[in-house]
Amino acid sequence: KQWYQRRVRGSMEAHHLLSKKGFRTKSYGTGSCVKLPGVTADKPNVYNFETPYEKIAEDLRNKDLSFYTQNGLLNMLDRNKRIKGKPEKFQQCKEEFDLIVTCQERVFDQVLEHLNEREQVSMNLVHVVNVEIKDNHEEATLGSFVIYELVEKLSNTEDPASDIDTVIEFLEKKRNKKFLHSLAFY
């Protein structure tokens, strides 16, 4: 089974945890570019999806080493480059997944829009689940454990496609968190 999920801090934190636990994992972005916080909220750092994490980190170190060290962005990029070389765009991915997990409702909507607009070829089913995670280090760490628990519980059921609603309902009650769930086809 393979799964995918997206959100800068949350997705890569979950990607890291799931990979360590032995799950085949991919992570992607859904926007037109990679946007990272800048020194001011109205001036984000913008990169294309082909920019390696090392180049992004080098650019930020050159712009303001102290600021990007303090806000954790350089540490995050260092972790990201150990997971994969560069950000990737979901809409360019040809791979099929059993489960797609997003960490923001807007991204959940973008993923479903993309899957529903493209031509269905194989008609293989994919479950799309949103686990809302605030984009900060603490929430990303906590959220990665919620995502891990979702994936782990689904992998331990005899029929994940049939049991997903029960697993989501259990986790919603346990974590006091609302998940979004939808189906799409490849």
N, C-alpha and C. Protein backbone atom coordinates (compact mmCIF):
# COMPACT_ATOMS: atom_id res chain seq x y z
N LYS A 1 0.85 -1.19 0.00
CA LYS A 1 0.00 0.00 0.00
C LYS A 1 0.88 1.23 0.00
N GLN A 2 0.43 2.24 -0.68
CA GLN A 2 1.19 3.47 -0.78
C GLN A 2 0.26 4.63 -0.46
N TRP A 3 0.79 5.63 0.18
CA TRP A 3 -0.04 6.78 0.51
C TRP A 3 0.71 8.04 0.18
N TYR A 4 -0.02 9.13 0.09
CA TYR A 4 0.53 10.43 -0.24
C TYR A 4 -0.09 11.46 0.68
N GLN A 5 0.64 12.48 1.03
CA GLN A 5 0.04 13.57 1.79
C GLN A 5 0.81 14.85 1.56
N ARG A 6 0.22 15.98 1.94
CA ARG A 6 0.77 17.28 1.59
C ARG A 6 0.55 18.33 2.68
N ARG A 7 1.54 19.10 2.93
CA ARG A 7 1.59 20.35 3.70
C ARG A 7 3.03 20.52 4.12
N VAL A 8 3.59 21.68 4.01
CA VAL A 8 5.03 21.85 4.18
C VAL A 8 5.56 21.20 5.45
N ARG A 9 5.19 21.68 6.61
CA ARG A 9 5.72 21.09 7.84
C ARG A 9 5.03 19.76 8.14
N GLY A 10 3.71 19.78 8.13
CA GLY A 10 2.95 18.59 8.51
C GLY A 10 3.23 17.41 7.62
N SER A 11 3.28 17.63 6.32
CA SER A 11 3.45 16.51 5.41
C SER A 11 4.83 15.90 5.52
N MET A 12 5.85 16.72 5.59
CA MET A 12 7.20 16.17 5.66
C MET A 12 7.47 15.53 7.02
N GLU A 13 6.87 16.06 8.07
CA GLU A 13 7.01 15.44 9.40
C GLU A 13 6.35 14.06 9.37
N ALA A 14 5.16 13.96 8.80
CA ALA A 14 4.47 12.68 8.69
C ALA A 14 5.21 11.76 7.73
N HIS A 15 5.71 12.30 6.62
CA HIS A 15 6.50 11.52 5.65
C HIS A 15 7.68 10.87 6.38
N HIS A 16 8.38 11.65 7.17
CA HIS A 16 9.54 11.16 7.91
C HIS A 16 9.13 10.04 8.88
N LEU A 17 8.08 10.27 9.66
CA LEU A 17 7.63 9.26 10.64
C LEU A 17 7.16 7.99 9.94
N LEU A 18 6.33 8.12 8.92
CA LEU A 18 5.82 6.93 8.23
C LEU A 18 6.93 6.14 7.54
N SER A 19 7.88 6.83 6.95
CA SER A 19 9.02 6.15 6.33
C SER A 19 9.81 5.37 7.37
N LYS A 20 10.04 5.99 8.53
CA LYS A 20 10.76 5.31 9.62
C LYS A 20 10.01 4.06 10.08
N LYS A 21 8.68 4.10 10.00
CA LYS A 21 7.86 2.97 10.44
C LYS A 21 7.65 1.93 9.33
N GLY A 22 8.27 2.15 8.17
CA GLY A 22 8.23 1.14 7.11
C GLY A 22 7.16 1.32 6.06
N PHE A 23 6.44 2.43 6.06
CA PHE A 23 5.40 2.66 5.05
C PHE A 23 6.01 3.32 3.83
N ARG A 24 5.60 2.87 2.65
CA ARG A 24 6.02 3.54 1.41
C ARG A 24 5.26 4.85 1.33
N THR A 25 5.99 5.93 1.30
CA THR A 25 5.39 7.26 1.44
C THR A 25 5.92 8.21 0.39
N LYS A 26 5.07 9.07 -0.11
CA LYS A 26 5.43 10.15 -1.02
C LYS A 26 4.79 11.42 -0.49
N SER A 27 5.38 12.56 -0.78
CA SER A 27 4.76 13.83 -0.40
C SER A 27 4.92 14.82 -1.54
N TYR A 28 3.91 15.64 -1.73
CA TYR A 28 3.85 16.57 -2.85
C TYR A 28 3.25 17.89 -2.42
N GLY A 29 3.46 18.88 -3.24
CA GLY A 29 2.77 20.15 -3.12
C GLY A 29 1.67 20.22 -4.16
N THR A 30 0.72 21.11 -3.96
CA THR A 30 -0.38 21.23 -4.91
C THR A 30 -0.48 22.62 -5.53
N GLY A 31 0.26 23.57 -5.03
CA GLY A 31 0.17 24.93 -5.53
C GLY A 31 0.97 25.11 -6.81
N SER A 32 1.06 26.36 -7.25
CA SER A 32 1.81 26.66 -8.47
C SER A 32 3.31 26.77 -8.19
N CYS A 33 3.68 26.92 -6.91
CA CYS A 33 5.07 27.05 -6.52
C CYS A 33 5.21 26.71 -5.04
N VAL A 34 6.45 26.67 -4.57
CA VAL A 34 6.73 26.44 -3.16
C VAL A 34 6.84 27.81 -2.50
N LYS A 35 6.01 28.06 -1.49
CA LYS A 35 6.06 29.32 -0.75
C LYS A 35 6.45 29.02 0.69
N LEU A 36 7.51 29.68 1.13
CA LEU A 36 7.97 29.55 2.50
C LEU A 36 7.91 30.92 3.16
N PRO A 37 7.69 30.96 4.47
CA PRO A 37 7.59 32.26 5.15
C PRO A 37 8.83 33.12 4.92
N GLY A 38 8.58 34.40 4.74
CA GLY A 38 9.66 35.36 4.60
C GLY A 38 9.83 36.13 5.90
N VAL A 39 10.70 37.14 5.86
CA VAL A 39 10.94 37.97 7.03
C VAL A 39 9.68 38.72 7.41
N THR A 40 8.85 39.07 6.41
CA THR A 40 7.54 39.67 6.67
C THR A 40 6.47 38.80 6.02
N ALA A 41 5.27 38.84 6.57
CA ALA A 41 4.18 37.98 6.09
C ALA A 41 3.80 38.26 4.64
N ASP A 42 3.99 39.49 4.19
CA ASP A 42 3.58 39.84 2.82
C ASP A 42 4.67 39.56 1.78
N LYS A 43 5.81 39.03 2.22
CA LYS A 43 6.91 38.75 1.28
C LYS A 43 7.44 37.33 1.50
N PRO A 44 6.67 36.32 1.06
CA PRO A 44 7.16 34.94 1.22
C PRO A 44 8.34 34.68 0.28
N ASN A 45 9.10 33.66 0.59
CA ASN A 45 10.15 33.17 -0.31
C ASN A 45 9.49 32.20 -1.27
N VAL A 46 9.64 32.42 -2.56
CA VAL A 46 8.95 31.62 -3.57
C VAL A 46 9.98 30.88 -4.43
N TYR A 47 9.73 29.58 -4.63
CA TYR A 47 10.63 28.74 -5.43
C TYR A 47 9.79 27.84 -6.33
N ASN A 48 10.36 27.41 -7.45
CA ASN A 48 9.63 26.44 -8.27
C ASN A 48 9.87 25.04 -7.71
N PHE A 49 9.08 24.09 -8.16
CA PHE A 49 9.14 22.74 -7.62
C PHE A 49 10.43 22.00 -7.98
N GLU A 50 11.17 22.48 -8.92
CA GLU A 50 12.42 21.82 -9.30
C GLU A 50 13.61 22.29 -8.47
N THR A 51 13.41 23.22 -7.56
CA THR A 51 14.50 23.76 -6.76
C THR A 51 14.85 22.79 -5.62
N PRO A 52 16.08 22.25 -5.59
CA PRO A 52 16.46 21.33 -4.52
C PRO A 52 16.41 22.02 -3.15
N TYR A 53 16.10 21.24 -2.13
CA TYR A 53 16.04 21.78 -0.77
C TYR A 53 17.36 22.45 -0.37
N GLU A 54 18.47 21.88 -0.81
CA GLU A 54 19.78 22.47 -0.47
C GLU A 54 19.91 23.87 -1.04
N LYS A 55 19.44 24.09 -2.27
CA LYS A 55 19.51 25.43 -2.89
C LYS A 55 18.59 26.41 -2.16
N ILE A 56 17.42 25.94 -1.75
CA ILE A 56 16.50 26.79 -0.99
C ILE A 56 17.15 27.19 0.34
N ALA A 57 17.74 26.22 1.03
CA ALA A 57 18.40 26.51 2.31
C ALA A 57 19.56 27.49 2.11
N GLU A 58 20.33 27.29 1.07
CA GLU A 58 21.45 28.20 0.78
C GLU A 58 20.95 29.62 0.54
N ASP A 59 19.86 29.74 -0.22
CA ASP A 59 19.28 31.06 -0.48
C ASP A 59 18.84 31.73 0.82
N LEU A 60 18.17 30.98 1.69
CA LEU A 60 17.70 31.55 2.96
C LEU A 60 18.86 31.90 3.89
N ARG A 61 19.89 31.07 3.92
CA ARG A 61 21.07 31.39 4.73
C ARG A 61 21.69 32.70 4.25
N ASN A 62 21.75 32.89 2.94
CA ASN A 62 22.31 34.12 2.37
C ASN A 62 21.44 35.34 2.66
N LYS A 63 20.12 35.13 2.72
CA LYS A 63 19.21 36.25 2.98
C LYS A 63 19.25 36.70 4.43
N ASP A 64 19.16 35.73 5.38
CA ASP A 64 19.15 36.10 6.80
C ASP A 64 19.32 34.83 7.64
N LEU A 65 20.58 34.44 7.84
CA LEU A 65 20.90 33.21 8.56
C LEU A 65 20.25 33.17 9.94
N SER A 66 20.36 34.24 10.69
CA SER A 66 19.83 34.29 12.05
C SER A 66 18.32 34.09 12.07
N PHE A 67 17.61 34.83 11.23
CA PHE A 67 16.14 34.76 11.20
C PHE A 67 15.66 33.36 10.84
N TYR A 68 16.21 32.78 9.76
CA TYR A 68 15.72 31.48 9.29
C TYR A 68 16.19 30.33 10.17
N THR A 69 17.23 30.56 10.97
CA THR A 69 17.63 29.57 11.97
C THR A 69 16.65 29.63 13.14
N GLN A 70 16.36 30.84 13.59
CA GLN A 70 15.45 31.02 14.74
C GLN A 70 14.04 30.52 14.45
N ASN A 71 13.53 30.76 13.24
CA ASN A 71 12.15 30.34 12.96
C ASN A 71 12.05 28.86 12.58
N GLY A 72 13.18 28.16 12.54
CA GLY A 72 13.16 26.71 12.31
C GLY A 72 13.14 26.29 10.86
N LEU A 73 13.08 27.24 9.94
CA LEU A 73 12.98 26.90 8.52
C LEU A 73 14.22 26.17 8.01
N LEU A 74 15.41 26.57 8.45
CA LEU A 74 16.63 25.89 8.00
C LEU A 74 16.70 24.46 8.53
N ASN A 75 16.26 24.25 9.77
CA ASN A 75 16.20 22.88 10.30
C ASN A 75 15.20 22.03 9.53
N MET A 76 14.05 22.62 9.20
CA MET A 76 13.03 21.90 8.44
C MET A 76 13.58 21.50 7.07
N LEU A 77 14.27 22.42 6.40
CA LEU A 77 14.82 22.13 5.07
C LEU A 77 15.91 21.06 5.16
N ASP A 78 16.69 21.08 6.22
CA ASP A 78 17.72 20.06 6.42
C ASP A 78 17.06 18.68 6.55
N ARG A 79 15.99 18.59 7.34
CA ARG A 79 15.26 17.32 7.47
C ARG A 79 14.67 16.92 6.13
N ASN A 80 14.06 17.88 5.41
CA ASN A 80 13.43 17.57 4.13
C ASN A 80 14.42 17.00 3.13
N LYS A 81 15.62 17.57 3.05
CA LYS A 81 16.59 17.09 2.05
C LYS A 81 17.10 15.69 2.39
N ARG A 82 17.00 15.29 3.67
CA ARG A 82 17.35 13.91 4.02
C ARG A 82 16.24 12.94 3.62
N ILE A 83 15.04 13.45 3.42
CA ILE A 83 13.90 12.61 3.02
C ILE A 83 13.84 12.49 1.50
N LYS A 84 14.03 13.61 0.81
CA LYS A 84 14.04 13.62 -0.65
C LYS A 84 14.75 14.89 -1.11
N GLY A 85 15.18 14.93 -2.34
CA GLY A 85 16.02 16.02 -2.83
C GLY A 85 15.35 17.35 -3.04
N LYS A 86 14.08 17.31 -3.45
CA LYS A 86 13.39 18.56 -3.80
C LYS A 86 11.89 18.39 -3.65
N PRO A 87 11.17 19.51 -3.57
CA PRO A 87 9.71 19.44 -3.55
C PRO A 87 9.19 18.91 -4.90
N GLU A 88 8.05 18.25 -4.85
CA GLU A 88 7.43 17.72 -6.07
C GLU A 88 5.98 18.18 -6.13
N LYS A 89 5.47 18.32 -7.34
CA LYS A 89 4.10 18.80 -7.54
C LYS A 89 3.16 17.62 -7.80
N PHE A 90 2.09 17.55 -7.03
CA PHE A 90 1.13 16.44 -7.13
C PHE A 90 0.52 16.33 -8.53
N GLN A 91 0.18 17.44 -9.12
CA GLN A 91 -0.50 17.43 -10.41
C GLN A 91 0.38 16.87 -11.52
N GLN A 92 1.67 16.75 -11.30
CA GLN A 92 2.59 16.18 -12.30
C GLN A 92 2.87 14.70 -12.05
N CYS A 93 2.34 14.18 -10.97
CA CYS A 93 2.58 12.79 -10.58
C CYS A 93 1.67 11.85 -11.38
N LYS A 94 2.25 10.78 -11.91
CA LYS A 94 1.48 9.79 -12.67
C LYS A 94 1.17 8.55 -11.83
N GLU A 95 1.75 8.48 -10.64
CA GLU A 95 1.58 7.32 -9.77
C GLU A 95 0.17 7.26 -9.19
N GLU A 96 -0.28 6.05 -8.89
CA GLU A 96 -1.57 5.86 -8.24
C GLU A 96 -1.33 5.50 -6.77
N PHE A 97 -2.23 5.98 -5.91
CA PHE A 97 -2.12 5.74 -4.48
C PHE A 97 -3.39 5.10 -3.97
N ASP A 98 -3.28 4.37 -2.87
CA ASP A 98 -4.45 3.79 -2.20
C ASP A 98 -5.11 4.83 -1.30
N LEU A 99 -4.26 5.68 -0.70
CA LEU A 99 -4.72 6.67 0.26
C LEU A 99 -3.93 7.95 0.06
N ILE A 100 -4.63 9.06 0.02
CA ILE A 100 -4.00 10.38 -0.03
C ILE A 100 -4.45 11.11 1.22
N VAL A 101 -3.48 11.60 2.00
CA VAL A 101 -3.79 12.35 3.21
C VAL A 101 -3.30 13.77 3.01
N THR A 102 -4.18 14.73 3.23
CA THR A 102 -3.81 16.14 3.17
C THR A 102 -3.87 16.71 4.59
N CYS A 103 -3.24 17.87 4.76
CA CYS A 103 -3.17 18.47 6.10
C CYS A 103 -3.83 19.84 6.14
N GLN A 104 -4.59 20.15 5.11
CA GLN A 104 -5.29 21.43 5.03
C GLN A 104 -6.48 21.26 4.09
N GLU A 105 -7.62 21.79 4.48
CA GLU A 105 -8.84 21.62 3.67
C GLU A 105 -8.68 22.16 2.26
N ARG A 106 -7.99 23.27 2.11
CA ARG A 106 -7.78 23.85 0.78
C ARG A 106 -7.02 22.87 -0.12
N VAL A 107 -6.04 22.18 0.43
CA VAL A 107 -5.27 21.20 -0.33
C VAL A 107 -6.13 19.97 -0.63
N PHE A 108 -6.94 19.55 0.31
CA PHE A 108 -7.90 18.45 0.11
C PHE A 108 -8.76 18.76 -1.11
N ASP A 109 -9.28 19.99 -1.17
CA ASP A 109 -10.12 20.41 -2.31
C ASP A 109 -9.32 20.40 -3.62
N GLN A 110 -8.08 20.87 -3.59
CA GLN A 110 -7.24 20.89 -4.80
C GLN A 110 -6.95 19.48 -5.30
N VAL A 111 -6.67 18.57 -4.38
CA VAL A 111 -6.40 17.18 -4.76
C VAL A 111 -7.63 16.57 -5.41
N LEU A 112 -8.79 16.74 -4.79
CA LEU A 112 -10.03 16.18 -5.36
C LEU A 112 -10.35 16.82 -6.71
N GLU A 113 -10.16 18.12 -6.81
CA GLU A 113 -10.40 18.80 -8.09
C GLU A 113 -9.51 18.21 -9.18
N HIS A 114 -8.24 18.03 -8.88
CA HIS A 114 -7.32 17.47 -9.88
C HIS A 114 -7.73 16.04 -10.26
N LEU A 115 -8.02 15.21 -9.26
CA LEU A 115 -8.38 13.82 -9.55
C LEU A 115 -9.68 13.73 -10.35
N ASN A 116 -10.62 14.62 -10.06
CA ASN A 116 -11.92 14.57 -10.75
C ASN A 116 -11.88 15.20 -12.14
N GLU A 117 -10.93 16.10 -12.38
CA GLU A 117 -10.84 16.75 -13.69
C GLU A 117 -10.06 15.92 -14.71
N ARG A 118 -9.17 15.08 -14.25
CA ARG A 118 -8.37 14.29 -15.19
C ARG A 118 -9.16 13.09 -15.67
N GLU A 119 -8.75 12.56 -16.80
CA GLU A 119 -9.43 11.40 -17.37
C GLU A 119 -9.19 10.18 -16.50
N GLN A 120 -10.28 9.50 -16.12
CA GLN A 120 -10.14 8.27 -15.34
C GLN A 120 -9.77 7.15 -16.30
N VAL A 121 -8.67 6.46 -16.03
CA VAL A 121 -8.17 5.43 -16.93
C VAL A 121 -8.32 4.05 -16.29
N SER A 122 -7.70 3.85 -15.14
CA SER A 122 -7.70 2.52 -14.52
C SER A 122 -8.96 2.28 -13.69
N MET A 123 -9.61 3.34 -13.28
CA MET A 123 -10.78 3.29 -12.40
C MET A 123 -10.45 2.68 -11.04
N ASN A 124 -9.17 2.72 -10.65
CA ASN A 124 -8.78 2.30 -9.31
C ASN A 124 -9.22 3.36 -8.31
N LEU A 125 -9.73 2.90 -7.19
CA LEU A 125 -10.25 3.76 -6.15
C LEU A 125 -9.12 4.34 -5.30
N VAL A 126 -9.24 5.62 -4.93
CA VAL A 126 -8.33 6.23 -3.97
C VAL A 126 -9.16 6.95 -2.91
N HIS A 127 -8.78 6.76 -1.66
CA HIS A 127 -9.41 7.48 -0.55
C HIS A 127 -8.60 8.74 -0.30
N VAL A 128 -9.29 9.86 -0.16
CA VAL A 128 -8.64 11.13 0.14
C VAL A 128 -9.15 11.57 1.51
N VAL A 129 -8.22 11.78 2.44
CA VAL A 129 -8.57 12.13 3.82
C VAL A 129 -7.82 13.40 4.20
N ASN A 130 -8.51 14.33 4.82
CA ASN A 130 -7.86 15.52 5.36
C ASN A 130 -7.79 15.42 6.86
N VAL A 131 -6.56 15.60 7.39
CA VAL A 131 -6.30 15.71 8.81
C VAL A 131 -5.76 17.12 9.00
N GLU A 132 -6.59 18.02 9.44
CA GLU A 132 -6.19 19.44 9.54
C GLU A 132 -5.05 19.62 10.53
N ILE A 133 -3.96 20.25 10.08
CA ILE A 133 -2.80 20.51 10.92
C ILE A 133 -2.38 21.96 10.73
N LYS A 134 -2.26 22.68 11.85
CA LYS A 134 -1.73 24.04 11.77
C LYS A 134 -0.27 23.96 11.36
N ASP A 135 0.17 24.91 10.53
CA ASP A 135 1.51 24.83 9.95
C ASP A 135 2.57 25.44 10.89
N ASN A 136 2.81 24.73 12.01
CA ASN A 136 3.92 25.09 12.88
C ASN A 136 4.55 23.78 13.37
N HIS A 137 5.76 23.88 13.91
CA HIS A 137 6.51 22.66 14.24
C HIS A 137 5.79 21.76 15.24
N GLU A 138 5.25 22.34 16.30
CA GLU A 138 4.59 21.54 17.33
C GLU A 138 3.37 20.80 16.78
N GLU A 139 2.52 21.53 16.05
CA GLU A 139 1.32 20.91 15.48
C GLU A 139 1.69 19.88 14.41
N ALA A 140 2.77 20.15 13.66
CA ALA A 140 3.21 19.20 12.64
C ALA A 140 3.64 17.88 13.28
N THR A 141 4.35 17.99 14.40
CA THR A 141 4.79 16.78 15.10
C THR A 141 3.59 16.01 15.64
N LEU A 142 2.67 16.70 16.31
CA LEU A 142 1.47 16.04 16.83
C LEU A 142 0.63 15.46 15.70
N GLY A 143 0.46 16.24 14.63
CA GLY A 143 -0.33 15.80 13.49
C GLY A 143 0.26 14.58 12.80
N SER A 144 1.59 14.49 12.77
CA SER A 144 2.22 13.33 12.14
C SER A 144 1.86 12.04 12.87
N PHE A 145 1.68 12.13 14.19
CA PHE A 145 1.28 10.95 14.95
C PHE A 145 -0.18 10.57 14.67
N VAL A 146 -1.03 11.56 14.44
CA VAL A 146 -2.43 11.29 14.07
C VAL A 146 -2.46 10.60 12.71
N ILE A 147 -1.69 11.12 11.76
CA ILE A 147 -1.64 10.52 10.42
C ILE A 147 -1.05 9.11 10.49
N TYR A 148 0.00 8.94 11.28
CA TYR A 148 0.58 7.61 11.45
C TYR A 148 -0.46 6.64 12.00
N GLU A 149 -1.21 7.08 13.01
CA GLU A 149 -2.22 6.21 13.60
C GLU A 149 -3.28 5.83 12.57
N LEU A 150 -3.69 6.78 11.74
CA LEU A 150 -4.66 6.50 10.67
C LEU A 150 -4.11 5.44 9.72
N VAL A 151 -2.91 5.66 9.22
CA VAL A 151 -2.31 4.75 8.24
C VAL A 151 -2.05 3.38 8.88
N GLU A 152 -1.56 3.38 10.11
CA GLU A 152 -1.26 2.12 10.80
C GLU A 152 -2.53 1.32 11.04
N LYS A 153 -3.58 1.97 11.50
CA LYS A 153 -4.84 1.25 11.75
C LYS A 153 -5.43 0.70 10.44
N LEU A 154 -5.36 1.49 9.38
CA LEU A 154 -5.87 1.01 8.09
C LEU A 154 -5.05 -0.18 7.57
N SER A 155 -3.76 -0.13 7.78
CA SER A 155 -2.91 -1.22 7.29
C SER A 155 -3.12 -2.51 8.08
N ASN A 156 -3.70 -2.40 9.27
CA ASN A 156 -3.95 -3.58 10.10
C ASN A 156 -5.37 -4.12 9.98
N THR A 157 -6.17 -3.56 9.08
CA THR A 157 -7.51 -4.10 8.87
C THR A 157 -7.48 -5.07 7.70
N GLU A 158 -8.43 -5.97 7.68
CA GLU A 158 -8.48 -6.93 6.58
C GLU A 158 -8.91 -6.27 5.28
N ASP A 159 -9.78 -5.27 5.37
CA ASP A 159 -10.28 -4.59 4.18
C ASP A 159 -10.28 -3.08 4.42
N PRO A 160 -9.13 -2.41 4.20
CA PRO A 160 -9.03 -0.98 4.48
C PRO A 160 -10.11 -0.15 3.78
N ALA A 161 -10.45 -0.49 2.54
CA ALA A 161 -11.45 0.28 1.81
C ALA A 161 -12.81 0.22 2.50
N SER A 162 -13.14 -0.92 3.08
CA SER A 162 -14.42 -1.05 3.78
C SER A 162 -14.37 -0.52 5.20
N ASP A 163 -13.19 -0.55 5.81
CA ASP A 163 -13.06 -0.18 7.21
C ASP A 163 -12.67 1.27 7.44
N ILE A 164 -12.41 2.03 6.38
CA ILE A 164 -11.89 3.38 6.55
C ILE A 164 -12.83 4.29 7.34
N ASP A 165 -14.13 4.18 7.09
CA ASP A 165 -15.08 5.03 7.81
C ASP A 165 -15.06 4.73 9.32
N THR A 166 -14.97 3.46 9.66
CA THR A 166 -14.92 3.06 11.07
C THR A 166 -13.63 3.57 11.72
N VAL A 167 -12.52 3.45 11.01
CA VAL A 167 -11.23 3.93 11.55
C VAL A 167 -11.27 5.44 11.74
N ILE A 168 -11.78 6.16 10.74
CA ILE A 168 -11.87 7.62 10.85
C ILE A 168 -12.76 8.02 12.02
N GLU A 169 -13.91 7.36 12.15
CA GLU A 169 -14.83 7.67 13.25
C GLU A 169 -14.16 7.43 14.60
N PHE A 170 -13.43 6.33 14.73
CA PHE A 170 -12.71 6.02 15.97
C PHE A 170 -11.68 7.13 16.28
N LEU A 171 -10.90 7.53 15.27
CA LEU A 171 -9.87 8.55 15.48
C LEU A 171 -10.46 9.93 15.75
N GLU A 172 -11.58 10.24 15.12
CA GLU A 172 -12.23 11.52 15.39
C GLU A 172 -12.64 11.62 16.85
N LYS A 173 -13.19 10.53 17.38
CA LYS A 173 -13.60 10.52 18.80
C LYS A 173 -12.37 10.54 19.70
N LYS A 174 -11.38 9.72 19.40
CA LYS A 174 -10.19 9.62 20.24
C LYS A 174 -9.41 10.93 20.27
N ARG A 175 -9.27 11.57 19.13
CA ARG A 175 -8.44 12.77 19.02
C ARG A 175 -9.25 14.07 19.10
N ASN A 176 -10.60 13.94 19.19
CA ASN A 176 -11.47 15.12 19.19
C ASN A 176 -11.12 16.04 18.01
N LYS A 177 -11.08 15.43 16.84
CA LYS A 177 -10.65 16.11 15.62
C LYS A 177 -11.54 15.64 14.49
N LYS A 178 -11.98 16.56 13.65
CA LYS A 178 -12.83 16.21 12.52
C LYS A 178 -11.98 15.97 11.28
N PHE A 179 -12.18 14.84 10.64
CA PHE A 179 -11.48 14.50 9.40
C PHE A 179 -12.45 14.70 8.23
N LEU A 180 -11.93 15.00 7.06
CA LEU A 180 -12.72 15.00 5.84
C LEU A 180 -12.33 13.75 5.06
N HIS A 181 -13.30 13.14 4.38
CA HIS A 181 -13.01 11.91 3.63
C HIS A 181 -13.82 11.92 2.35
N SER A 182 -13.19 11.58 1.25
CA SER A 182 -13.88 11.48 -0.02
C SER A 182 -13.22 10.38 -0.86
N LEU A 183 -13.92 9.99 -1.90
CA LEU A 183 -13.40 8.98 -2.83
C LEU A 183 -13.17 9.60 -4.19
N ALA A 184 -12.20 9.06 -4.91
CA ALA A 184 -11.95 9.46 -6.30
C ALA A 184 -11.44 8.24 -7.04
N PHE A 185 -11.32 8.35 -8.35
CA PHE A 185 -10.85 7.24 -9.17
C PHE A 185 -9.73 7.69 -10.10
N TYR A 186 -8.82 6.77 -10.36
CA TYR A 186 -7.73 7.03 -11.32
C TYR A 186 -8.18 6.61 -12.71
